[in-house]
Amino acid sequence: MSRDDFATRLQEAAQRAREFARDYVREPLHGDLLFRLDTKCDLDSAVETLWRDGLVPVWTDLCVTGQINGTTVIGVEHSADLTSAEGMLGVVGPHLPAHYHKGDRFSVHRRAWCWDEEDLAHLREVQESVWSLDSRVAADELPELPSMEVLQQRWSADGDPLAAIARFAALHTLTVSFTGAARPQISGERAAKSVHSVVFEGLPDQPWGCEQLTRAVPHATSVHLEAVDGVWLSGRFSERVERLALLGRRLEGHAQLPRELTSLSVTVDSITDSEFAELVEGVDHIEALHLRGTRISDQLAVLLPQRFDIEFLDVVDTGISRETIDRLASQGLRMLPDYSPH
């Protein structure tokens, strides 16, 4: 596909996305178009990113994500796979609020992005409308955001990211993505009392203050810890935590898990029987255990259901034998892989 042809198709699709969004949002959505990829850019820069020597993404979805200084911003998501054909250019409507009813209108700023100084200045103007935010600026520079319930925060500094967001009174769901230079240290000095779900992505291979997590997010019921290499654990998880996920190449240290868990996910390269026993020491019940991709022994797999009264077990790509899988399935356990006839 030629560059000019792709540029024409992309601009036409963006215009359709704007027309589509006008049926849902309050704002007029007028002015020029900007595209949000890794940064905000004009049409030529968007084409430069997406069109590569005659190849384009297999699929590209366009959706209105905001209006800044009289310019409509089009969010772009696309596949990593490329094709020499036209590729699919899809138009996606704006994200609908919960309990949406046909004919309702809502602010286009309900879901917001803050990636640079222009975004930050605009965010201060529309903060009352923001329900969800994707932020790449320092958390302490953000305005009060009284209605924000969902925050995805990029963190590239030292210090305590939870203390920085504790002031957001409505915040319920938090994701912190750490960059390679980040050296977080949870202090627990300021508690984010409204947060019920916390996700840490890209944790460094070193202690980061896990022992202070209970003080920092005292009402969290879901905790997801994902590390580049080792997942460093320490202290004690709150008994309020119902869902816990640990992802990395290996586990380091030890933390006391809650006595009962609705869901426990452990995804590491491998775990010995003794290491797993140490991890779950003191745990009485696990409703759903996810070990997908973690190498375990057949002996451990056989012991798990009765030891923790498990109702669902995921052992895909764990290396256990088909014989052991069939033995577990014969006990009436819901599990993956599922080789039962349907």
Foldseek 3Di string as FASTA:
>chain_A
DDLVVLLVVVVVLQVVQQVQQCQAADDPQADAEWEQDVHTHHSVVVSVVAADPQKGFLEKEWHFQAAAPRYTYIYIDGDPDIDNDNHHYHHDYDDDDPPDDPRHHAHSQCEAEAEDPSSQVVCVVCLQRHQEYEYADQLLSHDQSQNHAYYEYEDEEEEANLQSNLSRQNHAEYEYEYDPNYQAAHDLPRANARYAEYEYEAHEPDDHHQQNVCSRHVQHQYYEYAHAAEDEHDHEDDLSHAYYEYYHQYYHDEYAYHQHHQEYEYAHQEAEPVRVCRRHPNHAAYAEYEDANYAYELVSLQPPCVRHVYQEYECHNRPYDPVSVVVVVVVVHHYPPDPDDD
